[in-house]
Protein backbone atom coordinates (compact mmCIF):
# COMPACT_ATOMS: atom_id res chain seq x y z
CA MET A 1 253.57 18.17 63.69
CA THR A 2 251.95 19.49 67.12
CA ASP A 3 250.43 22.47 68.30
CA THR A 4 252.97 24.44 70.72
CA PRO A 5 250.90 24.87 74.02
CA LEU A 6 250.10 28.73 74.74
CA GLU A 7 251.07 30.24 78.11
CA ASN A 8 248.74 33.55 79.43
CA GLU A 9 250.51 36.65 79.05
CA PRO A 10 251.64 37.62 81.95
CA ALA A 11 251.86 34.19 82.86
CA ASP A 12 249.16 34.24 85.92
CA TYR A 13 246.79 35.76 84.35
CA VAL A 14 242.75 34.85 84.91
CA PRO A 15 240.21 37.30 84.10
CA ALA A 16 238.96 38.68 87.32
CA LYS A 17 234.81 38.32 88.00
CA ILE A 18 234.26 42.18 87.16
CA TRP A 19 236.58 44.19 85.28
CA SER A 20 238.50 46.77 86.65
CA PRO A 21 240.90 49.27 84.57
CA LYS A 22 244.59 48.64 85.51
CA ASN A 23 247.88 50.46 85.54
CA ASN A 24 248.73 52.63 82.01
CA TYR A 25 249.44 49.64 79.17
CA GLY A 26 251.67 52.18 77.16
CA GLY A 27 251.05 52.30 73.60
CA THR A 28 250.12 54.64 71.17
CA PHE A 29 246.54 55.66 72.70
CA GLY A 30 247.19 54.04 76.17
CA SER A 31 247.10 57.61 77.70
CA ILE A 32 244.25 59.03 76.37
CA ASN A 33 241.56 55.21 76.70
CA ARG A 34 239.40 55.61 79.67
CA PRO A 35 236.39 53.25 80.37
CA ASP A 36 234.04 56.30 81.21
CA SER A 37 232.97 58.89 78.63
CA GLY A 38 232.08 62.54 78.24
CA ALA A 39 233.61 65.91 77.99
CA ARG A 40 236.89 65.96 80.00
CA PHE A 41 237.58 69.61 79.58
CA GLU A 42 236.92 72.76 78.24
CA GLN A 43 237.38 73.40 73.69
CA ALA A 44 234.86 75.40 71.87
CA LEU A 45 234.94 74.43 68.17
CA PRO A 46 235.70 77.14 65.54
CA VAL A 47 233.29 77.80 62.88
CA GLY A 48 234.28 79.05 59.59
CA LYS A 49 232.30 80.71 56.69
CA HIS A 50 230.48 77.97 55.11
CA PRO A 51 227.05 75.93 56.15
CA LEU A 52 229.16 72.69 56.22
CA GLN A 53 231.30 72.44 59.21
CA LEU A 54 233.46 69.17 59.54
CA TYR A 55 235.62 68.31 62.49
CA SER A 56 238.05 65.18 62.44
CA GLN A 57 241.54 64.18 61.15
CA GLY A 58 242.18 62.55 57.63
CA THR A 59 242.21 58.70 59.19
CA PRO A 60 240.24 56.06 56.99
CA ASN A 61 237.12 57.47 58.57
CA GLY A 62 237.94 61.07 58.38
CA GLN A 63 238.87 60.46 54.51
CA LYS A 64 235.41 58.94 53.85
CA ILE A 65 233.74 62.17 54.13
CA THR A 66 236.43 64.58 52.88
CA ILE A 67 236.57 62.55 49.91
CA LEU A 68 232.77 62.40 49.34
CA LEU A 69 232.48 66.07 49.83
CA GLU A 70 235.35 66.75 47.28
CA GLU A 71 233.50 64.29 44.70
CA LEU A 72 230.11 66.62 45.49
CA LEU A 73 231.65 69.82 44.99
CA ALA A 74 233.54 68.27 41.29
CA ALA A 75 230.21 67.09 40.54
CA GLY A 76 228.86 70.98 40.71
CA HIS A 77 227.32 70.70 44.11
CA GLU A 78 228.15 74.49 45.13
CA GLY A 79 226.48 73.88 48.55
CA ALA A 80 228.58 71.08 49.78
CA GLU A 81 231.71 73.67 50.22
CA TYR A 82 233.03 72.83 53.72
CA ASP A 83 235.53 73.65 56.60
CA ALA A 84 237.32 71.07 57.87
CA TRP A 85 239.05 71.47 61.14
CA LEU A 86 241.27 69.18 62.66
CA ILE A 87 240.85 66.83 65.51
CA ASP A 88 243.70 65.56 66.64
CA ILE A 89 243.22 62.43 67.98
CA PHE A 90 245.99 61.46 69.07
CA LYS A 91 246.34 64.74 71.59
CA GLY A 92 242.87 63.74 73.10
CA ASP A 93 241.00 67.01 70.89
CA GLN A 94 238.29 64.77 70.71
CA PHE A 95 237.58 64.96 74.18
CA GLY A 96 236.75 68.39 74.38
CA SER A 97 233.64 70.04 75.41
CA GLY A 98 232.68 71.71 72.07
CA PHE A 99 233.25 67.92 70.29
CA VAL A 100 231.54 65.46 72.11
CA GLU A 101 228.78 68.46 72.07
CA ILE A 102 228.48 67.17 68.12
CA ASN A 103 229.44 62.91 69.18
CA PRO A 104 228.75 62.14 72.43
CA ASN A 105 231.14 58.96 71.28
CA SER A 106 233.80 61.05 71.13
CA LYS A 107 235.17 59.93 67.76
CA ILE A 108 235.89 61.58 64.09
CA PRO A 109 234.71 62.82 61.90
CA ALA A 110 231.34 64.62 63.13
CA LEU A 111 229.52 67.23 60.97
CA VAL A 112 227.69 70.46 61.58
CA ASP A 113 224.89 71.48 59.59
CA HIS A 114 224.14 75.06 59.71
CA SER A 115 221.97 75.50 56.94
CA ALA A 116 219.56 73.39 58.66
CA ASP A 117 217.05 75.10 61.06
CA PRO A 118 218.10 74.75 63.58
CA VAL A 119 221.54 73.46 63.06
CA LEU A 120 221.73 69.91 62.28
CA ARG A 121 224.78 67.71 64.17
CA VAL A 122 225.65 64.26 62.36
CA PHE A 123 228.44 61.73 64.13
CA GLU A 124 229.33 58.59 62.48
CA SER A 125 230.94 58.01 59.54
CA GLY A 126 228.36 55.68 57.69
CA SER A 127 225.58 58.26 58.47
CA ILE A 128 227.50 61.41 57.16
CA MET A 129 227.85 59.88 53.84
CA PHE A 130 224.09 58.69 53.78
CA TYR A 131 223.33 62.01 54.95
CA LEU A 132 225.04 64.02 52.49
CA ALA A 133 224.57 61.64 49.57
CA GLU A 134 220.49 62.50 50.23
CA LYS A 135 221.00 65.78 50.74
CA PHE A 136 222.41 66.65 47.91
CA GLY A 137 220.93 63.32 45.52
CA ALA A 138 224.05 61.99 44.62
CA PHE A 139 226.51 59.09 44.66
CA LEU A 140 223.51 56.98 46.17
CA PRO A 141 221.29 55.38 43.15
CA THR A 142 217.36 55.80 42.99
CA ASP A 143 216.65 52.36 42.26
CA LEU A 144 215.74 49.83 44.46
CA ARG A 145 218.11 47.75 43.53
CA GLY A 146 221.28 49.67 43.31
CA ARG A 147 220.42 51.51 46.71
CA THR A 148 220.45 48.82 48.41
CA GLU A 149 223.39 47.21 47.12
CA THR A 150 225.11 50.38 47.54
CA MET A 151 223.75 50.45 51.37
CA ASN A 152 224.76 46.77 51.33
CA TRP A 153 228.47 47.84 51.09
CA LEU A 154 227.86 50.86 52.77
CA MET A 155 226.85 48.90 55.96
CA TRP A 156 229.85 45.82 55.22
CA GLN A 157 232.44 48.82 55.48
CA MET A 158 231.05 50.00 58.97
CA GLY A 159 231.13 46.01 59.97
CA THR A 160 234.16 45.18 58.63
CA ALA A 161 236.49 48.62 59.95
CA PRO A 162 237.09 47.25 63.27
CA PHE A 163 238.60 44.41 62.22
CA VAL A 164 241.40 46.30 60.64
CA GLY A 165 241.36 49.31 63.08
CA GLY A 166 241.28 48.44 66.51
CA GLY A 167 242.28 44.54 65.31
CA LEU A 168 245.19 44.21 62.98
CA GLY A 169 246.04 47.76 63.10
CA HIS A 170 245.83 48.17 66.86
CA PHE A 171 248.00 44.97 67.43
CA TYR A 172 250.10 45.14 64.50
CA ALA A 173 251.03 48.78 64.70
CA TYR A 174 249.68 50.57 68.09
CA ALA A 175 250.19 48.04 70.99
CA PRO A 176 252.84 48.23 73.42
CA LEU A 177 253.83 44.80 73.00
CA LYS A 178 253.48 42.54 69.80
CA ILE A 179 251.00 39.29 70.26
CA GLU A 180 251.23 36.20 68.31
CA TYR A 181 247.38 35.32 68.88
CA ALA A 182 246.30 38.66 68.58
CA ILE A 183 247.96 39.50 65.32
CA ASP A 184 247.48 35.85 63.68
CA ARG A 185 243.63 36.52 64.43
CA TYR A 186 243.14 39.93 62.98
CA ALA A 187 245.53 38.99 60.02
CA MET A 188 243.28 35.92 58.72
CA GLU A 189 240.23 38.22 59.53
CA VAL A 190 241.32 40.82 57.26
CA LYS A 191 243.03 38.36 54.41
CA ARG A 192 239.41 37.11 54.20
CA GLN A 193 237.93 40.32 54.28
CA LEU A 194 239.84 41.15 50.70
CA HIS A 195 239.35 38.13 49.40
CA VAL A 196 235.35 39.04 49.55
CA LEU A 197 236.24 42.14 47.73
CA ASP A 198 238.45 40.45 45.57
CA THR A 199 236.13 37.86 44.27
CA HIS A 200 233.16 40.82 44.23
CA LEU A 201 235.37 43.30 42.32
CA ALA A 202 235.95 40.63 39.67
CA ARG A 203 232.78 40.46 38.37
CA HIS A 204 231.73 44.40 39.39
CA GLU A 205 233.46 47.66 38.09
CA PHE A 206 232.23 49.36 41.38
CA LEU A 207 231.11 47.49 44.63
CA ALA A 208 227.16 48.44 43.68
CA GLY A 209 228.26 47.59 40.26
CA ASP A 210 228.25 49.98 37.00
CA ASP A 211 228.14 53.43 39.85
CA TYR A 212 230.48 54.84 41.65
CA THR A 213 229.22 55.48 45.00
CA ILE A 214 229.41 56.02 48.92
CA ALA A 215 230.25 52.49 48.97
CA ASP A 216 233.30 52.70 46.78
CA MET A 217 234.33 56.12 48.72
CA ALA A 218 233.40 54.14 51.88
CA VAL A 219 235.60 51.11 51.57
CA TRP A 220 238.43 52.64 49.67
CA PRO A 221 240.32 54.16 52.38
CA TRP A 222 240.18 50.95 54.56
CA HIS A 223 240.74 48.50 51.67
CA PRO A 224 243.52 48.36 50.62
CA GLY A 225 244.13 52.47 51.86
CA SER A 226 244.95 51.67 55.32
CA LEU A 227 247.23 48.70 54.89
CA TYR A 228 249.36 50.46 52.38
CA GLY A 229 249.00 53.67 55.01
CA VAL A 230 248.42 54.09 58.66
CA TYR A 231 249.20 50.20 59.79
CA ASN A 232 251.66 49.82 57.11
CA THR A 233 250.49 46.20 56.79
CA HIS A 234 250.59 45.71 52.94
CA GLU A 235 253.14 43.33 52.77
CA PHE A 236 252.43 40.81 56.01
CA VAL A 237 248.97 40.26 54.31
CA ALA A 238 250.33 40.05 50.76
CA VAL A 239 247.78 42.88 49.43
CA GLU A 240 249.34 42.34 46.24
CA GLU A 241 247.22 38.73 45.92
CA TYR A 242 244.01 40.43 45.21
CA GLN A 243 244.56 41.84 41.68
CA HIS A 244 240.80 42.71 41.16
CA LEU A 245 240.64 44.91 43.95
CA LEU A 246 243.81 46.26 43.23
CA ARG A 247 242.58 47.63 39.68
CA TRP A 248 239.27 49.03 41.58
CA TYR A 249 241.79 50.88 43.88
CA LYS A 250 244.35 52.23 41.46
CA ALA A 251 241.63 53.55 39.41
CA ILE A 252 239.88 55.46 42.21
CA GLY A 253 242.65 56.54 43.28
CA GLU A 254 243.44 57.78 40.11
CA ARG A 255 239.97 60.48 40.48
CA PRO A 256 241.31 64.21 41.34
CA ALA A 257 238.81 64.60 44.01
CA VAL A 258 240.20 61.61 45.78
CA LYS A 259 243.63 62.90 45.83
CA ARG A 260 241.87 66.32 47.29
CA GLY A 261 239.77 63.98 49.75
CA ARG A 262 242.86 62.03 51.61
CA VAL A 263 245.11 64.87 52.26
CA VAL A 264 242.44 66.95 54.11
CA ASN A 265 242.78 67.11 57.88
CA ARG A 266 246.29 64.53 57.54
CA LEU A 267 249.35 65.10 59.72
CA SER A 268 252.77 64.61 57.76
CA ASP A 269 256.21 65.58 58.83
CA THR A 270 256.86 66.28 55.43
CA PRO A 271 255.77 69.51 54.75
CA GLY A 272 253.66 70.10 51.54
CA GLU A 273 251.76 66.94 51.62
CA PHE A 274 249.09 66.86 53.54
CA LEU A 275 246.53 69.98 54.53
CA ARG A 276 245.90 70.33 58.32
CA GLU A 277 242.86 72.33 57.74
CA ARG A 278 240.47 73.18 54.80
CA HIS A 279 238.78 76.03 54.03
CA ASP A 280 238.57 76.75 50.44
CA ARG A 281 239.38 74.63 47.28
CA ARG A 282 242.96 77.21 46.87
CA ASP A 283 244.21 76.06 49.77
CA PHE A 284 245.16 72.60 47.40
CA ALA A 285 247.46 74.71 45.69
CA THR A 286 250.04 75.27 48.85
CA LEU A 287 250.51 71.45 48.28
CA ASP A 288 253.12 69.88 46.21
CA GLU A 289 250.47 67.61 44.64
CA PHE A 290 248.12 70.59 43.42
CA GLY A 291 250.50 73.18 43.31
């Protein structure tokens, strides 16, 4: 068997000495991607009745926070009541002046804690999870070993997500053309990540050991949640091969707080399945699954 020689795409492409943006290439995010940061239009953010104000969308990164908030409420932490406002990243809401003031990186999710004096902004999903776990003293072990193992897997998730989302997810689901090299590269890495989890979970009930922590909540929407969900790559990367991972994934998916958290700020063409905004726990009664 001989390797088939690959051609550049386009055939005459050679990287320039200094990169500069070209014409819009199309694709799902082609019209909003730019090489600079900052607000693109004026748009104040709404503020609800609760101290915690979340501005997000129900992507895997957004689900991490709403799952944690719902778990905190289920555990009796009334101070974790929150308003969740939809930031539609497909329409570019993340570039409004109000959102950029909270997160200069223009990525969801972002949180504002009005119970702090002065008011405190928190951005980046891992930082938000750590902040909330510390604030309420929950889902983050206090012993050195358990805490360290939880943080190991939380940081692992943040490091692996770009390969799943911006890598395989983008080139498989969103890019305006299919590039075999890019898809193969990221599929191989995603499968390696799945094997890491499957091997670990063969010996442990949860990622940090015996305790359910923010690490589980962070990884669950991505591995393999995003592969079944937004990117629809579960069959392509043969997720069903990873039985220990699936045992863990299905068990967490049955938790009532996870069922609630995963639908918040989601968008869908099917009424009754997703909750665009969440301002009260009674909002879930409007959904088919909870009504």
